């Protein structure tokens, strides 16, 4: 799997989990103290994520980090 495919899969996982929690991009952005546009870029695979941000996202979504980075 290419780097781009992995990034897109992680982005998809983030979007699915956000929607599963019935959160808007704005709400999730507020929870991790970033701009709403940042979440949009993350979910479209256009924003590289740090491990710290992935941890914040997992905590905000109340899921294990491994669920966000699951690329199977």
PDB file of N, CA and C in Angstrom:
ATOM      1  N   UNK A   1       0.858  -1.172   0.000  1.00  0.00           N
ATOM      2  CA  UNK A   1       0.000   0.000   0.000  1.00  0.00           C
ATOM      3  C   UNK A   1       0.903   1.234   0.000  1.00  0.00           C
ATOM      4  N   UNK A   2       0.588   2.191  -0.849  1.00  0.00           N
ATOM      5  CA  UNK A   2       1.401   3.410  -0.947  1.00  0.00           C
ATOM      6  C   UNK A   2       1.123   4.350   0.229  1.00  0.00           C
ATOM      7  N   UNK A   3       2.029   5.299   0.428  1.00  0.00           N
ATOM      8  CA  UNK A   3       1.837   6.294   1.493  1.00  0.00           C
ATOM      9  C   UNK A   3       0.525   7.035   1.300  1.00  0.00           C
ATOM     10  N   UNK A   4       0.239   7.407   0.063  1.00  0.00           N
ATOM     11  CA  UNK A   4      -0.996   8.151  -0.226  1.00  0.00           C
ATOM     12  C   UNK A   4      -2.229   7.321   0.119  1.00  0.00           C
ATOM     13  N   UNK A   5      -2.197   6.048  -0.191  1.00  0.00           N
ATOM     14  CA  UNK A   5      -3.331   5.173   0.129  1.00  0.00           C
ATOM     15  C   UNK A   5      -3.511   5.041   1.640  1.00  0.00           C
ATOM     16  N   UNK A   6      -2.419   4.960   2.358  1.00  0.00           N
ATOM     17  CA  UNK A   6      -2.484   4.861   3.819  1.00  0.00           C
ATOM     18  C   UNK A   6      -3.067   6.140   4.409  1.00  0.00           C
ATOM     19  N   UNK A   7      -2.607   7.289   3.926  1.00  0.00           N
ATOM     20  CA  UNK A   7      -3.123   8.577   4.407  1.00  0.00           C
ATOM     21  C   UNK A   7      -4.616   8.679   4.144  1.00  0.00           C
ATOM     22  N   UNK A   8      -5.049   8.281   2.952  1.00  0.00           N
ATOM     23  CA  UNK A   8      -6.476   8.352   2.616  1.00  0.00           C
ATOM     24  C   UNK A   8      -7.302   7.411   3.492  1.00  0.00           C
ATOM     25  N   UNK A   9      -6.759   6.253   3.819  1.00  0.00           N
ATOM     26  CA  UNK A   9      -7.478   5.306   4.674  1.00  0.00           C
ATOM     27  C   UNK A   9      -7.617   5.850   6.094  1.00  0.00           C
ATOM     28  N   UNK A  10      -6.551   6.427   6.618  1.00  0.00           N
ATOM     29  CA  UNK A  10      -6.619   7.025   7.955  1.00  0.00           C
ATOM     30  C   UNK A  10      -7.607   8.191   7.951  1.00  0.00           C
ATOM     31  N   UNK A  11      -7.569   9.004   6.904  1.00  0.00           N
ATOM     32  CA  UNK A  11      -8.500  10.129   6.770  1.00  0.00           C
ATOM     33  C   UNK A  11      -9.943   9.623   6.764  1.00  0.00           C
ATOM     34  N   UNK A  12     -10.184   8.549   6.028  1.00  0.00           N
ATOM     35  CA  UNK A  12     -11.514   7.950   5.966  1.00  0.00           C
ATOM     36  C   UNK A  12     -11.945   7.457   7.348  1.00  0.00           C
ATOM     37  N   UNK A  13     -11.028   6.798   8.057  1.00  0.00           N
ATOM     38  CA  UNK A  13     -11.339   6.297   9.403  1.00  0.00           C
ATOM     39  C   UNK A  13     -11.742   7.433  10.340  1.00  0.00           C
ATOM     40  N   UNK A  14     -11.036   8.544  10.252  1.00  0.00           N
ATOM     41  CA  UNK A  14     -11.345   9.697  11.101  1.00  0.00           C
ATOM     42  C   UNK A  14     -12.744  10.214  10.790  1.00  0.00           C
ATOM     43  N   UNK A  15     -13.049  10.347   9.508  1.00  0.00           N
ATOM     44  CA  UNK A  15     -14.368  10.858   9.109  1.00  0.00           C
ATOM     45  C   UNK A  15     -15.481   9.913   9.563  1.00  0.00           C
ATOM     46  N   UNK A  16     -15.287   8.622   9.362  1.00  0.00           N
ATOM     47  CA  UNK A  16     -16.299   7.638   9.765  1.00  0.00           C
ATOM     48  C   UNK A  16     -16.554   7.709  11.267  1.00  0.00           C
ATOM     49  N   UNK A  17     -15.494   7.771  12.053  1.00  0.00           N
ATOM     50  CA  UNK A  17     -15.653   7.822  13.509  1.00  0.00           C
ATOM     51  C   UNK A  17     -16.306   9.125  13.956  1.00  0.00           C
ATOM     52  N   UNK A  18     -15.956  10.232  13.309  1.00  0.00           N
ATOM     53  CA  UNK A  18     -16.593  11.518  13.643  1.00  0.00           C
ATOM     54  C   UNK A  18     -18.087  11.445  13.365  1.00  0.00           C
ATOM     55  N   UNK A  19     -18.442  10.911  12.203  1.00  0.00           N
ATOM     56  CA  UNK A  19     -19.854  10.819  11.835  1.00  0.00           C
ATOM     57  C   UNK A  19     -20.594   9.834  12.739  1.00  0.00           C
ATOM     58  N   UNK A  20     -19.922   8.764  13.133  1.00  0.00           N
ATOM     59  CA  UNK A  20     -20.528   7.780  14.038  1.00  0.00           C
ATOM     60  C   UNK A  20     -20.890   8.425  15.374  1.00  0.00           C
ATOM     61  N   UNK A  21     -20.108   9.408  15.786  1.00  0.00           N
ATOM     62  CA  UNK A  21     -20.361  10.129  17.042  1.00  0.00           C
ATOM     63  C   UNK A  21     -21.299  11.321  16.836  1.00  0.00           C
ATOM     64  N   UNK A  22     -21.793  11.481  15.609  1.00  0.00           N
ATOM     65  CA  UNK A  22     -22.694  12.590  15.273  1.00  0.00           C
ATOM     66  C   UNK A  22     -22.086  13.952  15.576  1.00  0.00           C
ATOM     67  N   UNK A  23     -20.806  14.092  15.244  1.00  0.00           N
ATOM     68  CA  UNK A  23     -20.113  15.362  15.438  1.00  0.00           C
ATOM     69  C   UNK A  23     -19.900  16.050  14.099  1.00  0.00           C
ATOM     70  N   UNK A  24     -19.995  17.367  14.106  1.00  0.00           N
ATOM     71  CA  UNK A  24     -19.631  18.130  12.918  1.00  0.00           C
ATOM     72  C   UNK A  24     -18.115  18.325  12.924  1.00  0.00           C
ATOM     73  N   UNK A  25     -17.587  18.739  11.786  1.00  0.00           N
ATOM     74  CA  UNK A  25     -16.165  19.063  11.734  1.00  0.00           C
ATOM     75  C   UNK A  25     -15.850  20.182  12.718  1.00  0.00           C
ATOM     76  N   UNK A  26     -16.744  21.141  12.818  1.00  0.00           N
ATOM     77  CA  UNK A  26     -16.550  22.259  13.743  1.00  0.00           C
ATOM     78  C   UNK A  26     -16.467  21.768  15.192  1.00  0.00           C
ATOM     79  N   UNK A  27     -17.373  20.884  15.572  1.00  0.00           N
ATOM     80  CA  UNK A  27     -17.380  20.371  16.947  1.00  0.00           C
ATOM     81  C   UNK A  27     -16.096  19.605  17.262  1.00  0.00           C
ATOM     82  N   UNK A  28     -15.677  18.751  16.328  1.00  0.00           N
ATOM     83  CA  UNK A  28     -14.448  17.993  16.548  1.00  0.00           C
ATOM     84  C   UNK A  28     -13.247  18.928  16.616  1.00  0.00           C
ATOM     85  N   UNK A  29     -13.236  19.926  15.760  1.00  0.00           N
ATOM     86  CA  UNK A  29     -12.141  20.904  15.762  1.00  0.00           C
ATOM     87  C   UNK A  29     -12.049  21.602  17.115  1.00  0.00           C
ATOM     88  N   UNK A  30     -13.185  22.001  17.661  1.00  0.00           N
ATOM     89  CA  UNK A  30     -13.188  22.653  18.973  1.00  0.00           C
ATOM     90  C   UNK A  30     -12.661  21.720  20.059  1.00  0.00           C
ATOM     91  N   UNK A  31     -12.985  20.452  19.946  1.00  0.00           N
ATOM     92  CA  UNK A  31     -12.570  19.483  20.959  1.00  0.00           C
ATOM     93  C   UNK A  31     -11.055  19.298  21.004  1.00  0.00           C
ATOM     94  N   UNK A  32     -10.391  19.470  19.853  1.00  0.00           N
ATOM     95  CA  UNK A  32      -8.933  19.283  19.837  1.00  0.00           C
ATOM     96  C   UNK A  32      -8.194  20.597  19.601  1.00  0.00           C
ATOM     97  N   UNK A  33      -8.930  21.701  19.660  1.00  0.00           N
ATOM     98  CA  UNK A  33      -8.349  23.043  19.583  1.00  0.00           C
ATOM     99  C   UNK A  33      -7.625  23.317  18.260  1.00  0.00           C
ATOM    100  N   UNK A  34      -8.327  23.023  17.159  1.00  0.00           N
ATOM    101  CA  UNK A  34      -7.829  23.366  15.826  1.00  0.00           C
ATOM    102  C   UNK A  34      -8.961  24.037  15.058  1.00  0.00           C
ATOM    103  N   UNK A  35      -8.654  24.565  13.886  1.00  0.00           N
ATOM    104  CA  UNK A  35      -9.666  25.210  13.052  1.00  0.00           C
ATOM    105  C   UNK A  35     -10.469  24.146  12.308  1.00  0.00           C
ATOM    106  N   UNK A  36     -11.716  24.461  12.053  1.00  0.00           N
ATOM    107  CA  UNK A  36     -12.608  23.556  11.323  1.00  0.00           C
ATOM    108  C   UNK A  36     -12.012  23.150   9.972  1.00  0.00           C
ATOM    109  N   UNK A  37     -11.358  24.082   9.294  1.00  0.00           N
ATOM    110  CA  UNK A  37     -10.765  23.780   7.987  1.00  0.00           C
ATOM    111  C   UNK A  37      -9.674  22.719   8.107  1.00  0.00           C
ATOM    112  N   UNK A  38      -9.000  22.688   9.231  1.00  0.00           N
ATOM    113  CA  UNK A  38      -7.968  21.681   9.470  1.00  0.00           C
ATOM    114  C   UNK A  38      -8.587  20.284   9.439  1.00  0.00           C
ATOM    115  N   UNK A  39      -9.724  20.127  10.098  1.00  0.00           N
ATOM    116  CA  UNK A  39     -10.407  18.828  10.115  1.00  0.00           C
ATOM    117  C   UNK A  39     -10.825  18.446   8.698  1.00  0.00           C
ATOM    118  N   UNK A  40     -11.307  19.401   7.935  1.00  0.00           N
ATOM    119  CA  UNK A  40     -11.677  19.134   6.546  1.00  0.00           C
ATOM    120  C   UNK A  40     -10.494  18.641   5.733  1.00  0.00           C
ATOM    121  N   UNK A  41      -9.348  19.264   5.931  1.00  0.00           N
ATOM    122  CA  UNK A  41      -8.135  18.840   5.221  1.00  0.00           C
ATOM    123  C   UNK A  41      -7.690  17.455   5.681  1.00  0.00           C
ATOM    124  N   UNK A  42      -7.804  17.204   6.965  1.00  0.00           N
ATOM    125  CA  UNK A  42      -7.447  15.884   7.504  1.00  0.00           C
ATOM    126  C   UNK A  42      -8.327  14.817   6.860  1.00  0.00           C
ATOM    127  N   UNK A  43      -9.625  15.055   6.853  1.00  0.00           N
ATOM    128  CA  UNK A  43     -10.566  14.061   6.340  1.00  0.00           C
ATOM    129  C   UNK A  43     -10.475  13.869   4.833  1.00  0.00           C
ATOM    130  N   UNK A  44      -9.912  14.825   4.141  1.00  0.00           N
ATOM    131  CA  UNK A  44      -9.731  14.674   2.692  1.00  0.00           C
ATOM    132  C   UNK A  44      -8.343  14.130   2.352  1.00  0.00           C
ATOM    133  N   UNK A  45      -7.536  13.892   3.376  1.00  0.00           N
ATOM    134  CA  UNK A  45      -6.200  13.349   3.158  1.00  0.00           C
ATOM    135  C   UNK A  45      -5.187  14.370   2.697  1.00  0.00           C
ATOM    136  N   UNK A  46      -5.508  15.645   2.834  1.00  0.00           N
ATOM    137  CA  UNK A  46      -4.623  16.715   2.372  1.00  0.00           C
ATOM    138  C   UNK A  46      -3.763  17.307   3.482  1.00  0.00           C
ATOM    139  N   UNK A  47      -3.951  16.841   4.698  1.00  0.00           N
ATOM    140  CA  UNK A  47      -3.210  17.366   5.845  1.00  0.00           C
ATOM    141  C   UNK A  47      -2.453  16.231   6.521  1.00  0.00           C
ATOM    142  N   UNK A  48      -1.145  16.363   6.612  1.00  0.00           N
ATOM    143  CA  UNK A  48      -0.362  15.378   7.352  1.00  0.00           C
ATOM    144  C   UNK A  48      -0.633  15.547   8.840  1.00  0.00           C
ATOM    145  N   UNK A  49      -0.681  14.432   9.538  1.00  0.00           N
ATOM    146  CA  UNK A  49      -0.979  14.450  10.966  1.00  0.00           C
ATOM    147  C   UNK A  49       0.242  14.064  11.779  1.00  0.00           C
ATOM    148  N   UNK A  50       0.382  14.710  12.910  1.00  0.00           N
ATOM    149  CA  UNK A  50       1.405  14.279  13.858  1.00  0.00           C
ATOM    150  C   UNK A  50       0.799  13.180  14.731  1.00  0.00           C
ATOM    151  N   UNK A  51       1.646  12.446  15.389  1.00  0.00           N
ATOM    152  CA  UNK A  51       1.157  11.425  16.315  1.00  0.00           C
ATOM    153  C   UNK A  51       0.364  12.096  17.434  1.00  0.00           C
ATOM    154  N   UNK A  52       0.822  13.252  17.865  1.00  0.00           N
ATOM    155  CA  UNK A  52       0.126  13.997  18.922  1.00  0.00           C
ATOM    156  C   UNK A  52      -1.307  14.329  18.498  1.00  0.00           C
ATOM    157  N   UNK A  53      -1.484  14.764  17.255  1.00  0.00           N
ATOM    158  CA  UNK A  53      -2.822  15.097  16.766  1.00  0.00           C
ATOM    159  C   UNK A  53      -3.673  13.844  16.636  1.00  0.00           C
ATOM    160  N   UNK A  54      -3.086  12.749  16.184  1.00  0.00           N
ATOM    161  CA  UNK A  54      -3.833  11.489  16.108  1.00  0.00           C
ATOM    162  C   UNK A  54      -4.319  11.064  17.492  1.00  0.00           C
ATOM    163  N   UNK A  55      -3.479  11.237  18.488  1.00  0.00           N
ATOM    164  CA  UNK A  55      -3.868  10.897  19.863  1.00  0.00           C
ATOM    165  C   UNK A  55      -5.011  11.793  20.325  1.00  0.00           C
ATOM    166  N   UNK A  56      -4.919  13.086  20.038  1.00  0.00           N
ATOM    167  CA  UNK A  56      -5.999  14.016  20.406  1.00  0.00           C
ATOM    168  C   UNK A  56      -7.309  13.614  19.731  1.00  0.00           C
ATOM    169  N   UNK A  57      -7.231  13.253  18.455  1.00  0.00           N
ATOM    170  CA  UNK A  57      -8.433  12.843  17.726  1.00  0.00           C
ATOM    171  C   UNK A  57      -9.030  11.577  18.333  1.00  0.00           C
ATOM    172  N   UNK A  58      -8.194  10.598  18.615  1.00  0.00           N
ATOM    173  CA  UNK A  58      -8.685   9.351  19.213  1.00  0.00           C
ATOM    174  C   UNK A  58      -9.341   9.623  20.564  1.00  0.00           C
ATOM    175  N   UNK A  59      -8.718  10.457  21.374  1.00  0.00           N
ATOM    176  CA  UNK A  59      -9.290  10.790  22.683  1.00  0.00           C
ATOM    177  C   UNK A  59     -10.610  11.532  22.539  1.00  0.00           C
ATOM    178  N   UNK A  60     -10.667  12.493  21.623  1.00  0.00           N
ATOM    179  CA  UNK A  60     -11.898  13.259  21.415  1.00  0.00           C
ATOM    180  C   UNK A  60     -13.027  12.359  20.918  1.00  0.00           C
ATOM    181  N   UNK A  61     -12.678  11.377  20.105  1.00  0.00           N
ATOM    182  CA  UNK A  61     -13.678  10.459  19.558  1.00  0.00           C
ATOM    183  C   UNK A  61     -13.937   9.270  20.486  1.00  0.00           C
ATOM    184  N   UNK A  62     -13.203   9.222  21.595  1.00  0.00           N
ATOM    185  CA  UNK A  62     -13.346   8.168  22.599  1.00  0.00           C
ATOM    186  C   UNK A  62     -13.154   6.772  21.997  1.00  0.00           C
ATOM    187  N   UNK A  63     -12.082   6.650  21.218  1.00  0.00           N
ATOM    188  CA  UNK A  63     -11.734   5.367  20.612  1.00  0.00           C
ATOM    189  C   UNK A  63     -10.238   5.130  20.785  1.00  0.00           C
ATOM    190  N   UNK A  64      -9.815   3.903  20.557  1.00  0.00           N
ATOM    191  CA  UNK A  64      -8.391   3.580  20.609  1.00  0.00           C
ATOM    192  C   UNK A  64      -7.698   4.152  19.382  1.00  0.00           C
ATOM    193  N   UNK A  65      -6.492   4.604  19.563  1.00  0.00           N
ATOM    194  CA  UNK A  65      -5.689   5.127  18.460  1.00  0.00           C
ATOM    195  C   UNK A  65      -5.577   4.098  17.340  1.00  0.00           C
ATOM    196  N   UNK A  66      -5.468   2.845  17.701  1.00  0.00           N
ATOM    197  CA  UNK A  66      -5.322   1.783  16.703  1.00  0.00           C
ATOM    198  C   UNK A  66      -6.501   1.728  15.734  1.00  0.00           C
ATOM    199  N   UNK A  67      -7.665   2.157  16.170  1.00  0.00           N
ATOM    200  CA  UNK A  67      -8.835   2.151  15.288  1.00  0.00           C
ATOM    201  C   UNK A  67      -8.691   3.195  14.183  1.00  0.00           C
ATOM    202  N   UNK A  68      -8.060   4.318  14.494  1.00  0.00           N
ATOM    203  CA  UNK A  68      -7.861   5.355  13.478  1.00  0.00           C
ATOM    204  C   UNK A  68      -6.812   4.955  12.456  1.00  0.00           C
ATOM    205  N   UNK A  69      -5.798   4.249  12.905  1.00  0.00           N
ATOM    206  CA  UNK A  69      -4.702   3.909  11.993  1.00  0.00           C
ATOM    207  C   UNK A  69      -4.833   2.501  11.416  1.00  0.00           C
ATOM    208  N   UNK A  70      -5.968   1.864  11.618  1.00  0.00           N
ATOM    209  CA  UNK A  70      -6.218   0.541  11.046  1.00  0.00           C
ATOM    210  C   UNK A  70      -6.366   0.671   9.531  1.00  0.00           C
ATOM    211  N   UNK A  71      -5.453   0.062   8.799  1.00  0.00           N
ATOM    212  CA  UNK A  71      -5.486   0.192   7.337  1.00  0.00           C
ATOM    213  C   UNK A  71      -5.837  -1.120   6.646  1.00  0.00           C
ATOM    214  N   UNK A  72      -6.304  -2.076   7.395  1.00  0.00           N
ATOM    215  CA  UNK A  72      -6.690  -3.379   6.827  1.00  0.00           C
ATOM    216  C   UNK A  72      -7.947  -3.271   6.016  1.00  0.00           C
TER     217      UNK A  72
END
